Protein backbone atom coordinates (compact mmCIF):
# COMPACT_ATOMS: atom_id res chain seq x y z
CA MET A 1 16.46 -1.35 -10.40
CA LEU A 2 14.15 -3.22 -8.05
CA PHE A 3 10.89 -2.57 -9.85
CA ASN A 4 9.75 -1.42 -13.23
CA ALA A 5 8.91 2.28 -13.51
CA ASP A 6 5.87 1.36 -15.61
CA ILE A 7 4.26 -0.40 -12.63
CA PRO A 8 2.25 2.10 -10.54
CA LEU A 9 3.82 1.18 -7.20
CA LEU A 10 2.07 3.83 -5.12
CA THR A 11 -1.29 2.93 -6.61
CA LEU A 12 -0.67 -0.71 -5.68
CA ILE A 13 0.18 0.35 -2.13
CA VAL A 14 -3.03 2.36 -1.90
CA PHE A 15 -5.42 -0.17 -3.42
CA LEU A 16 -3.99 -3.55 -2.32
CA PRO A 17 -5.52 -3.19 1.17
CA LEU A 18 -8.89 -2.55 -0.49
CA ALA A 19 -8.49 -5.79 -2.42
CA GLY A 20 -7.76 -7.49 0.90
CA VAL A 21 -10.97 -6.08 2.35
CA LEU A 22 -12.93 -7.46 -0.60
CA GLY A 23 -11.26 -10.83 -0.04
CA VAL A 24 -12.19 -10.79 3.64
CA LEU A 25 -15.79 -9.86 2.81
CA ALA A 26 -16.00 -12.70 0.29
CA THR A 27 -15.30 -15.46 2.82
CA ARG A 28 -17.15 -16.77 5.85
CA SER A 29 -14.39 -18.91 7.35
CA ARG A 30 -12.56 -17.41 10.32
CA GLN A 31 -9.29 -19.03 9.25
CA TRP A 32 -9.56 -17.66 5.70
CA ILE A 33 -10.39 -14.20 7.01
CA GLN A 34 -7.20 -14.29 9.07
CA VAL A 35 -5.11 -15.60 6.19
CA VAL A 36 -6.44 -13.11 3.63
CA ALA A 37 -6.00 -10.20 6.05
CA LEU A 38 -2.44 -11.22 6.90
CA ILE A 39 -1.41 -11.86 3.29
CA SER A 40 -2.82 -8.55 2.05
CA THR A 41 -1.17 -6.55 4.84
CA LEU A 42 2.16 -8.37 4.44
CA ALA A 43 2.12 -7.79 0.68
CA THR A 44 1.35 -4.12 1.23
CA PHE A 45 4.16 -3.87 3.80
CA VAL A 46 6.66 -5.40 1.37
CA LEU A 47 5.57 -2.95 -1.33
CA THR A 48 6.07 -0.03 1.08
CA LEU A 49 9.69 -1.11 1.59
CA LEU A 50 10.61 -1.02 -2.11
CA PRO A 51 10.94 2.78 -2.43
CA MET A 52 13.53 2.80 0.38
CA TRP A 53 16.17 1.34 -1.97
CA GLN A 54 15.43 3.58 -4.93
CA PHE A 55 14.83 6.92 -3.20
CA ARG A 56 17.42 9.60 -3.95
CA PRO A 57 17.71 12.02 -1.01
CA GLU A 58 19.78 14.49 -3.04
CA GLN A 59 16.89 14.94 -5.47
CA ALA A 60 14.50 17.67 -4.37
CA GLY A 61 10.75 17.28 -4.58
CA PHE A 62 8.53 14.28 -4.94
CA GLN A 63 9.72 10.97 -6.32
CA PHE A 64 7.86 7.91 -7.67
CA VAL A 65 5.30 10.36 -9.01
CA GLU A 66 2.14 9.00 -10.60
CA HIS A 67 -0.05 11.47 -12.44
CA VAL A 68 -3.12 10.35 -14.34
CA PRO A 69 -5.84 12.65 -15.69
CA TRP A 70 -9.10 11.52 -14.12
CA ILE A 71 -11.92 13.88 -15.06
CA ALA A 72 -10.17 15.98 -17.68
CA ILE A 73 -13.10 18.26 -18.40
CA LEU A 74 -13.02 19.46 -14.77
CA GLY A 75 -9.23 19.46 -14.52
CA ILE A 76 -9.25 16.68 -11.90
CA SER A 77 -6.32 14.28 -11.83
CA TYR A 78 -5.00 11.42 -9.71
CA HIS A 79 -1.57 12.44 -8.43
CA LEU A 80 0.69 10.56 -5.98
CA GLY A 81 4.32 11.02 -4.93
CA ILE A 82 6.74 10.37 -2.08
CA ASP A 83 8.89 12.98 -0.37
CA GLY A 84 11.56 12.46 2.29
CA LEU A 85 9.12 12.38 5.21
CA SER A 86 6.54 10.08 3.66
CA LEU A 87 9.34 7.72 2.65
CA PHE A 88 9.55 6.62 6.29
CA LEU A 89 5.87 7.00 7.15
CA LEU A 90 4.84 4.65 4.36
CA PRO A 91 6.62 1.53 5.74
CA LEU A 92 5.62 2.52 9.27
CA THR A 93 1.98 2.41 8.23
CA GLY A 94 2.53 -0.92 6.49
CA PHE A 95 4.21 -2.38 9.57
CA LEU A 96 1.44 -1.14 11.87
CA SER A 97 -1.17 -2.73 9.60
CA VAL A 98 0.55 -6.12 9.90
CA ALA A 99 0.88 -5.63 13.66
CA ALA A 100 -2.82 -4.77 13.96
CA VAL A 101 -3.82 -7.96 12.14
CA LEU A 102 -1.51 -10.08 14.31
CA VAL A 103 -2.65 -8.46 17.56
CA SER A 104 -6.30 -9.04 16.67
CA TRP A 105 -5.64 -12.59 15.45
CA ASN A 106 -7.63 -14.29 18.24
CA ASN A 107 -10.32 -11.60 18.37
CA ILE A 108 -11.68 -12.07 14.85
CA ARG A 109 -15.31 -13.18 15.06
CA ILE A 110 -17.79 -13.95 12.36
């Protein structure tokens, strides 16, 4: 097993880029902005690759499901999962994020 089932992998994939944004906003140095942006997108990309090794195509429905009651009184919950199509779209999005940071490397201005 590549990762612990107790770690909310999909939640990390969703919120790690937001942490990168906060890191970029916290600095004024152009070089640090580039480094923080690249590290956060690379880390997110690596996390998007992990489900590829654990996904079971013979299993129907969503996998890596995370379900957390959010506002229980209203019946609202936080629910994530990966199906066969999103399994490939997830790393594609991660790769494109890294590519976008690298393409804009010399265009970052403060």
